[in-house]
PDB file of N, CA and C in Angstrom:
ATOM      1  N   MET A   1      22.931  -0.033  23.245  1.00  0.00           N
ATOM      2  CA  MET A   1      21.573  -0.315  22.770  1.00  0.00           C
ATOM      3  C   MET A   1      20.734   0.949  22.918  1.00  0.00           C
ATOM      4  N   GLY A   2      20.084   1.328  21.834  1.00  0.00           N
ATOM      5  CA  GLY A   2      19.291   2.541  21.838  1.00  0.00           C
ATOM      6  C   GLY A   2      17.824   2.268  22.125  1.00  0.00           C
ATOM      7  N   ILE A   3      17.071   3.319  22.125  1.00  0.00           N
ATOM      8  CA  ILE A   3      15.631   3.222  22.373  1.00  0.00           C
ATOM      9  C   ILE A   3      14.907   2.649  21.158  1.00  0.00           C
ATOM     10  N   ILE A   4      15.393   2.993  19.974  1.00  0.00           N
ATOM     11  CA  ILE A   4      14.743   2.553  18.739  1.00  0.00           C
ATOM     12  C   ILE A   4      15.168   1.119  18.435  1.00  0.00           C
ATOM     13  N   PRO A   5      14.209   0.200  18.303  1.00  0.00           N
ATOM     14  CA  PRO A   5      14.575  -1.190  18.009  1.00  0.00           C
ATOM     15  C   PRO A   5      15.158  -1.328  16.611  1.00  0.00           C
ATOM     16  N   ARG A   6      16.038  -2.269  16.465  1.00  0.00           N
ATOM     17  CA  ARG A   6      16.644  -2.524  15.164  1.00  0.00           C
ATOM     18  C   ARG A   6      15.667  -3.313  14.297  1.00  0.00           C
ATOM     19  N   PRO A   7      15.690  -3.090  12.989  1.00  0.00           N
ATOM     20  CA  PRO A   7      14.809  -3.862  12.100  1.00  0.00           C
ATOM     21  C   PRO A   7      15.163  -5.341  12.143  1.00  0.00           C
ATOM     22  N   ARG A   8      14.162  -6.173  11.966  1.00  0.00           N
ATOM     23  CA  ARG A   8      14.370  -7.620  11.989  1.00  0.00           C
ATOM     24  C   ARG A   8      15.068  -8.116  10.737  1.00  0.00           C
ATOM     25  N   ALA A   9      14.862  -7.423   9.643  1.00  0.00           N
ATOM     26  CA  ALA A   9      15.468  -7.817   8.367  1.00  0.00           C
ATOM     27  C   ALA A   9      16.250  -6.629   7.813  1.00  0.00           C
ATOM     28  N   ALA A  10      17.231  -6.937   7.028  1.00  0.00           N
ATOM     29  CA  ALA A  10      18.006  -5.874   6.400  1.00  0.00           C
ATOM     30  C   ALA A  10      17.114  -5.094   5.437  1.00  0.00           C
ATOM     31  N   LEU A  11      17.220  -3.783   5.473  1.00  0.00           N
ATOM     32  CA  LEU A  11      16.379  -2.952   4.621  1.00  0.00           C
ATOM     33  C   LEU A  11      16.939  -2.810   3.212  1.00  0.00           C
ATOM     34  N   ASP A  12      18.170  -3.224   2.995  1.00  0.00           N
ATOM     35  CA  ASP A  12      18.746  -3.064   1.672  1.00  0.00           C
ATOM     36  C   ASP A  12      18.170  -4.061   0.662  1.00  0.00           C
ATOM     37  N   ASN A  13      17.553  -5.122   1.121  1.00  0.00           N
ATOM     38  CA  ASN A  13      16.950  -6.080   0.188  1.00  0.00           C
ATOM     39  C   ASN A  13      15.421  -6.023   0.222  1.00  0.00           C
ATOM     40  N   LEU A  14      14.881  -4.953   0.752  1.00  0.00           N
ATOM     41  CA  LEU A  14      13.437  -4.769   0.833  1.00  0.00           C
ATOM     42  C   LEU A  14      12.896  -4.384  -0.543  1.00  0.00           C
ATOM     43  N   ASP A  15      11.913  -5.135  -1.026  1.00  0.00           N
ATOM     44  CA  ASP A  15      11.311  -4.851  -2.328  1.00  0.00           C
ATOM     45  C   ASP A  15       9.940  -4.222  -2.108  1.00  0.00           C
ATOM     46  N   ALA A  16       9.856  -2.942  -2.348  1.00  0.00           N
ATOM     47  CA  ALA A  16       8.607  -2.214  -2.153  1.00  0.00           C
ATOM     48  C   ALA A  16       7.903  -1.926  -3.476  1.00  0.00           C
ATOM     49  N   SER A  17       8.249  -2.664  -4.517  1.00  0.00           N
ATOM     50  CA  SER A  17       7.686  -2.367  -5.838  1.00  0.00           C
ATOM     51  C   SER A  17       6.173  -2.576  -5.882  1.00  0.00           C
ATOM     52  N   ALA A  18       5.656  -3.585  -5.203  1.00  0.00           N
ATOM     53  CA  ALA A  18       4.200  -3.800  -5.204  1.00  0.00           C
ATOM     54  C   ALA A  18       3.481  -2.662  -4.482  1.00  0.00           C
ATOM     55  N   LEU A  19       4.040  -2.218  -3.368  1.00  0.00           N
ATOM     56  CA  LEU A  19       3.439  -1.102  -2.629  1.00  0.00           C
ATOM     57  C   LEU A  19       3.525   0.183  -3.448  1.00  0.00           C
ATOM     58  N   THR A  20       4.648   0.408  -4.106  1.00  0.00           N
ATOM     59  CA  THR A  20       4.808   1.587  -4.964  1.00  0.00           C
ATOM     60  C   THR A  20       3.794   1.554  -6.099  1.00  0.00           C
ATOM     61  N   TYR A  21       3.624   0.394  -6.717  1.00  0.00           N
ATOM     62  CA  TYR A  21       2.648   0.216  -7.793  1.00  0.00           C
ATOM     63  C   TYR A  21       1.244   0.587  -7.295  1.00  0.00           C
ATOM     64  N   ALA A  22       0.868   0.040  -6.141  1.00  0.00           N
ATOM     65  CA  ALA A  22      -0.488   0.251  -5.627  1.00  0.00           C
ATOM     66  C   ALA A  22      -0.716   1.706  -5.224  1.00  0.00           C
ATOM     67  N   LEU A  23       0.192   2.281  -4.459  1.00  0.00           N
ATOM     68  CA  LEU A  23      -0.015   3.649  -3.978  1.00  0.00           C
ATOM     69  C   LEU A  23       0.025   4.669  -5.104  1.00  0.00           C
ATOM     70  N   SER A  24       0.776   4.395  -6.155  1.00  0.00           N
ATOM     71  CA  SER A  24       0.826   5.335  -7.274  1.00  0.00           C
ATOM     72  C   SER A  24      -0.477   5.347  -8.065  1.00  0.00           C
ATOM     73  N   ARG A  25      -1.307   4.351  -7.895  1.00  0.00           N
ATOM     74  CA  ARG A  25      -2.576   4.263  -8.617  1.00  0.00           C
ATOM     75  C   ARG A  25      -3.786   4.612  -7.763  1.00  0.00           C
ATOM     76  N   MET A  26      -3.561   4.919  -6.484  1.00  0.00           N
ATOM     77  CA  MET A  26      -4.670   5.282  -5.594  1.00  0.00           C
ATOM     78  C   MET A  26      -4.902   6.792  -5.625  1.00  0.00           C
ATOM     79  N   THR A  27      -6.140   7.190  -5.442  1.00  0.00           N
ATOM     80  CA  THR A  27      -6.481   8.599  -5.299  1.00  0.00           C
ATOM     81  C   THR A  27      -5.927   9.079  -3.963  1.00  0.00           C
ATOM     82  N   PRO A  28      -5.152  10.152  -3.940  1.00  0.00           N
ATOM     83  CA  PRO A  28      -4.521  10.590  -2.686  1.00  0.00           C
ATOM     84  C   PRO A  28      -5.508  10.844  -1.537  1.00  0.00           C
ATOM     85  N   GLU A  29      -6.699  11.321  -1.856  1.00  0.00           N
ATOM     86  CA  GLU A  29      -7.670  11.619  -0.806  1.00  0.00           C
ATOM     87  C   GLU A  29      -8.066  10.381   0.000  1.00  0.00           C
ATOM     88  N   LEU A  30      -7.910   9.202  -0.607  1.00  0.00           N
ATOM     89  CA  LEU A  30      -8.256   7.974   0.113  1.00  0.00           C
ATOM     90  C   LEU A  30      -7.340   7.734   1.309  1.00  0.00           C
ATOM     91  N   THR A  31      -6.126   8.243   1.238  1.00  0.00           N
ATOM     92  CA  THR A  31      -5.160   7.967   2.300  1.00  0.00           C
ATOM     93  C   THR A  31      -5.055   9.093   3.318  1.00  0.00           C
ATOM     94  N   PHE A  32      -5.817  10.172   3.154  1.00  0.00           N
ATOM     95  CA  PHE A  32      -5.783  11.254   4.135  1.00  0.00           C
ATOM     96  C   PHE A  32      -6.326  10.754   5.461  1.00  0.00           C
ATOM     97  N   LEU A  33      -5.787  11.291   6.545  1.00  0.00           N
ATOM     98  CA  LEU A  33      -6.247  10.895   7.870  1.00  0.00           C
ATOM     99  C   LEU A  33      -7.714  11.293   8.058  1.00  0.00           C
ATOM    100  N   VAL A  34      -7.995  12.579   7.855  1.00  0.00           N
ATOM    101  CA  VAL A  34      -9.374  13.091   7.953  1.00  0.00           C
ATOM    102  C   VAL A  34      -9.537  14.168   6.888  1.00  0.00           C
ATOM    103  N   LEU A  35     -10.656  14.135   6.204  1.00  0.00           N
ATOM    104  CA  LEU A  35     -10.960  15.178   5.222  1.00  0.00           C
ATOM    105  C   LEU A  35     -11.786  16.268   5.898  1.00  0.00           C
ATOM    106  N   PRO A  36     -11.641  17.516   5.487  1.00  0.00           N
ATOM    107  CA  PRO A  36     -12.405  18.611   6.095  1.00  0.00           C
ATOM    108  C   PRO A  36     -13.913  18.365   5.981  1.00  0.00           C
ATOM    109  N   GLY A  37     -14.616  18.512   7.081  1.00  0.00           N
ATOM    110  CA  GLY A  37     -16.062  18.362   7.101  1.00  0.00           C
ATOM    111  C   GLY A  37     -16.553  16.930   7.062  1.00  0.00           C
ATOM    112  N   GLU A  38     -15.657  15.988   7.181  1.00  0.00           N
ATOM    113  CA  GLU A  38     -16.025  14.574   7.083  1.00  0.00           C
ATOM    114  C   GLU A  38     -16.530  14.055   8.433  1.00  0.00           C
ATOM    115  N   SER A  39     -17.637  13.341   8.406  1.00  0.00           N
ATOM    116  CA  SER A  39     -18.165  12.747   9.635  1.00  0.00           C
ATOM    117  C   SER A  39     -17.413  11.455   9.948  1.00  0.00           C
ATOM    118  N   TRP A  40     -17.622  10.961  11.153  1.00  0.00           N
ATOM    119  CA  TRP A  40     -16.978   9.711  11.572  1.00  0.00           C
ATOM    120  C   TRP A  40     -17.361   8.560  10.641  1.00  0.00           C
ATOM    121  N   ASP A  41     -18.643   8.451  10.344  1.00  0.00           N
ATOM    122  CA  ASP A  41     -19.115   7.365   9.481  1.00  0.00           C
ATOM    123  C   ASP A  41     -18.540   7.483   8.064  1.00  0.00           C
ATOM    124  N   GLU A  42     -18.475   8.700   7.540  1.00  0.00           N
ATOM    125  CA  GLU A  42     -17.896   8.908   6.215  1.00  0.00           C
ATOM    126  C   GLU A  42     -16.414   8.545   6.200  1.00  0.00           C
ATOM    127  N   MET A  43     -15.708   8.930   7.265  1.00  0.00           N
ATOM    128  CA  MET A  43     -14.285   8.620   7.355  1.00  0.00           C
ATOM    129  C   MET A  43     -14.066   7.111   7.400  1.00  0.00           C
ATOM    130  N   MET A  44     -14.846   6.425   8.184  1.00  0.00           N
ATOM    131  CA  MET A  44     -14.688   4.973   8.303  1.00  0.00           C
ATOM    132  C   MET A  44     -15.039   4.276   6.986  1.00  0.00           C
ATOM    133  N   ALA A  45     -16.060   4.759   6.297  1.00  0.00           N
ATOM    134  CA  ALA A  45     -16.426   4.180   4.998  1.00  0.00           C
ATOM    135  C   ALA A  45     -15.312   4.419   3.975  1.00  0.00           C
ATOM    136  N   ARG A  46     -14.724   5.625   3.992  1.00  0.00           N
ATOM    137  CA  ARG A  46     -13.634   5.940   3.069  1.00  0.00           C
ATOM    138  C   ARG A  46     -12.422   5.065   3.363  1.00  0.00           C
ATOM    139  N   ARG A  47     -12.112   4.883   4.629  1.00  0.00           N
ATOM    140  CA  ARG A  47     -10.964   4.055   5.004  1.00  0.00           C
ATOM    141  C   ARG A  47     -11.184   2.591   4.622  1.00  0.00           C
ATOM    142  N   GLU A  48     -12.405   2.107   4.778  1.00  0.00           N
ATOM    143  CA  GLU A  48     -12.702   0.731   4.373  1.00  0.00           C
ATOM    144  C   GLU A  48     -12.571   0.577   2.855  1.00  0.00           C
ATOM    145  N   ALA A  49     -13.068   1.579   2.128  1.00  0.00           N
ATOM    146  CA  ALA A  49     -12.930   1.551   0.671  1.00  0.00           C
ATOM    147  C   ALA A  49     -11.459   1.600   0.275  1.00  0.00           C
ATOM    148  N   ALA A  50     -10.679   2.435   0.950  1.00  0.00           N
ATOM    149  CA  ALA A  50      -9.246   2.537   0.654  1.00  0.00           C
ATOM    150  C   ALA A  50      -8.549   1.214   0.911  1.00  0.00           C
ATOM    151  N   SER A  51      -8.938   0.548   1.970  1.00  0.00           N
ATOM    152  CA  SER A  51      -8.352  -0.753   2.291  1.00  0.00           C
ATOM    153  C   SER A  51      -8.669  -1.780   1.207  1.00  0.00           C
ATOM    154  N   ASP A  52      -9.913  -1.794   0.751  1.00  0.00           N
ATOM    155  CA  ASP A  52     -10.314  -2.720  -0.314  1.00  0.00           C
ATOM    156  C   ASP A  52      -9.572  -2.417  -1.619  1.00  0.00           C
ATOM    157  N   ILE A  53      -9.458  -1.130  -1.951  1.00  0.00           N
ATOM    158  CA  ILE A  53      -8.770  -0.738  -3.180  1.00  0.00           C
ATOM    159  C   ILE A  53      -7.297  -1.102  -3.101  1.00  0.00           C
ATOM    160  N   LEU A  54      -6.672  -0.834  -1.956  1.00  0.00           N
ATOM    161  CA  LEU A  54      -5.260  -1.177  -1.780  1.00  0.00           C
ATOM    162  C   LEU A  54      -5.055  -2.681  -1.918  1.00  0.00           C
ATOM    163  N   ASP A  55      -5.944  -3.464  -1.333  1.00  0.00           N
ATOM    164  CA  ASP A  55      -5.855  -4.920  -1.432  1.00  0.00           C
ATOM    165  C   ASP A  55      -5.940  -5.372  -2.889  1.00  0.00           C
ATOM    166  N   ASP A  56      -6.884  -4.805  -3.630  1.00  0.00           N
ATOM    167  CA  ASP A  56      -7.032  -5.154  -5.050  1.00  0.00           C
ATOM    168  C   ASP A  56      -5.797  -4.763  -5.858  1.00  0.00           C
ATOM    169  N   LEU A  57      -5.260  -3.570  -5.587  1.00  0.00           N
ATOM    170  CA  LEU A  57      -4.092  -3.111  -6.324  1.00  0.00           C
ATOM    171  C   LEU A  57      -2.848  -3.927  -5.987  1.00  0.00           C
ATOM    172  N   LEU A  58      -2.714  -4.362  -4.739  1.00  0.00           N
ATOM    173  CA  LEU A  58      -1.580  -5.212  -4.377  1.00  0.00           C
ATOM    174  C   LEU A  58      -1.677  -6.569  -5.064  1.00  0.00           C
ATOM    175  N   ALA A  59      -2.884  -7.095  -5.171  1.00  0.00           N
ATOM    176  CA  ALA A  59      -3.072  -8.365  -5.887  1.00  0.00           C
ATOM    177  C   ALA A  59      -2.748  -8.181  -7.370  1.00  0.00           C
ATOM    178  N   GLU A  60      -3.176  -7.059  -7.941  1.00  0.00           N
ATOM    179  CA  GLU A  60      -2.868  -6.759  -9.339  1.00  0.00           C
ATOM    180  C   GLU A  60      -1.356  -6.624  -9.541  1.00  0.00           C
ATOM    181  N   ALA A  61      -0.684  -5.962  -8.609  1.00  0.00           N
ATOM    182  CA  ALA A  61       0.773  -5.803  -8.696  1.00  0.00           C
ATOM    183  C   ALA A  61       1.464  -7.153  -8.610  1.00  0.00           C
ATOM    184  N   ALA A  62       0.988  -8.021  -7.736  1.00  0.00           N
ATOM    185  CA  ALA A  62       1.582  -9.353  -7.605  1.00  0.00           C
ATOM    186  C   ALA A  62       1.437 -10.132  -8.907  1.00  0.00           C
ATOM    187  N   ASP A  63       0.281 -10.016  -9.542  1.00  0.00           N
ATOM    188  CA  ASP A  63       0.071 -10.694 -10.829  1.00  0.00           C
ATOM    189  C   ASP A  63       1.022 -10.154 -11.894  1.00  0.00           C
ATOM    190  N   GLU A  64       1.153  -8.831 -11.953  1.00  0.00           N
ATOM    191  CA  GLU A  64       2.036  -8.235 -12.961  1.00  0.00           C
ATOM    192  C   GLU A  64       3.492  -8.595 -12.708  1.00  0.00           C
ATOM    193  N   LEU A  65       3.901  -8.601 -11.429  1.00  0.00           N
ATOM    194  CA  LEU A  65       5.272  -8.970 -11.106  1.00  0.00           C
ATOM    195  C   LEU A  65       5.536 -10.437 -11.439  1.00  0.00           C
ATOM    196  N   ALA A  66       4.560 -11.296 -11.183  1.00  0.00           N
ATOM    197  CA  ALA A  66       4.716 -12.716 -11.502  1.00  0.00           C
ATOM    198  C   ALA A  66       4.810 -12.898 -13.020  1.00  0.00           C
ATOM    199  N   ASP A  67       4.001 -12.156 -13.780  1.00  0.00           N
ATOM    200  CA  ASP A  67       4.068 -12.242 -15.241  1.00  0.00           C
ATOM    201  C   ASP A  67       5.419 -11.750 -15.746  1.00  0.00           C
ATOM    202  N   ALA A  68       5.933 -10.683 -15.154  1.00  0.00           N
ATOM    203  CA  ALA A  68       7.232 -10.147 -15.572  1.00  0.00           C
ATOM    204  C   ALA A  68       8.353 -11.139 -15.286  1.00  0.00           C
ATOM    205  N   GLU A  69       8.268 -11.837 -14.160  1.00  0.00           N
ATOM    206  CA  GLU A  69       9.276 -12.827 -13.824  1.00  0.00           C
ATOM    207  C   GLU A  69       9.189 -14.030 -14.763  1.00  0.00           C
ATOM    208  N   ALA A  70       7.974 -14.397 -15.144  1.00  0.00           N
ATOM    209  CA  ALA A  70       7.789 -15.519 -16.060  1.00  0.00           C
ATOM    210  C   ALA A  70       8.380 -15.199 -17.429  1.00  0.00           C
ATOM    211  N   VAL A  71       8.215 -13.947 -17.858  1.00  0.00           N
ATOM    212  CA  VAL A  71       8.744 -13.537 -19.158  1.00  0.00           C
ATOM    213  C   VAL A  71      10.273 -13.455 -19.097  1.00  0.00           C
ATOM    214  N   ALA A  72      10.815 -13.078 -17.945  1.00  0.00           N
ATOM    215  CA  ALA A  72      12.267 -12.926 -17.814  1.00  0.00           C
ATOM    216  C   ALA A  72      12.990 -14.261 -17.910  1.00  0.00           C
ATOM    217  N   TRP A  73      12.286 -15.335 -17.646  1.00  0.00           N
ATOM    218  CA  TRP A  73      12.944 -16.654 -17.714  1.00  0.00           C
ATOM    219  C   TRP A  73      13.115 -17.003 -19.137  1.00  0.00           C
TER     220      TRP A  73
END
């Protein structure tokens, strides 16, 4: 037994398509840890906005994936 815990689920059946969809449509600066010259309040506001945008894009991806599955039937 090693120090690194084993994943709870097999990674070979992991579907990251919704996350890929969302992150490919986000502005990269939204996901930076800290931007040069950024204040604490600005950073927190940017992170909150990034969280909201990611949530919206994941919902959009879920809708598109559901539509694609409906068409595939």
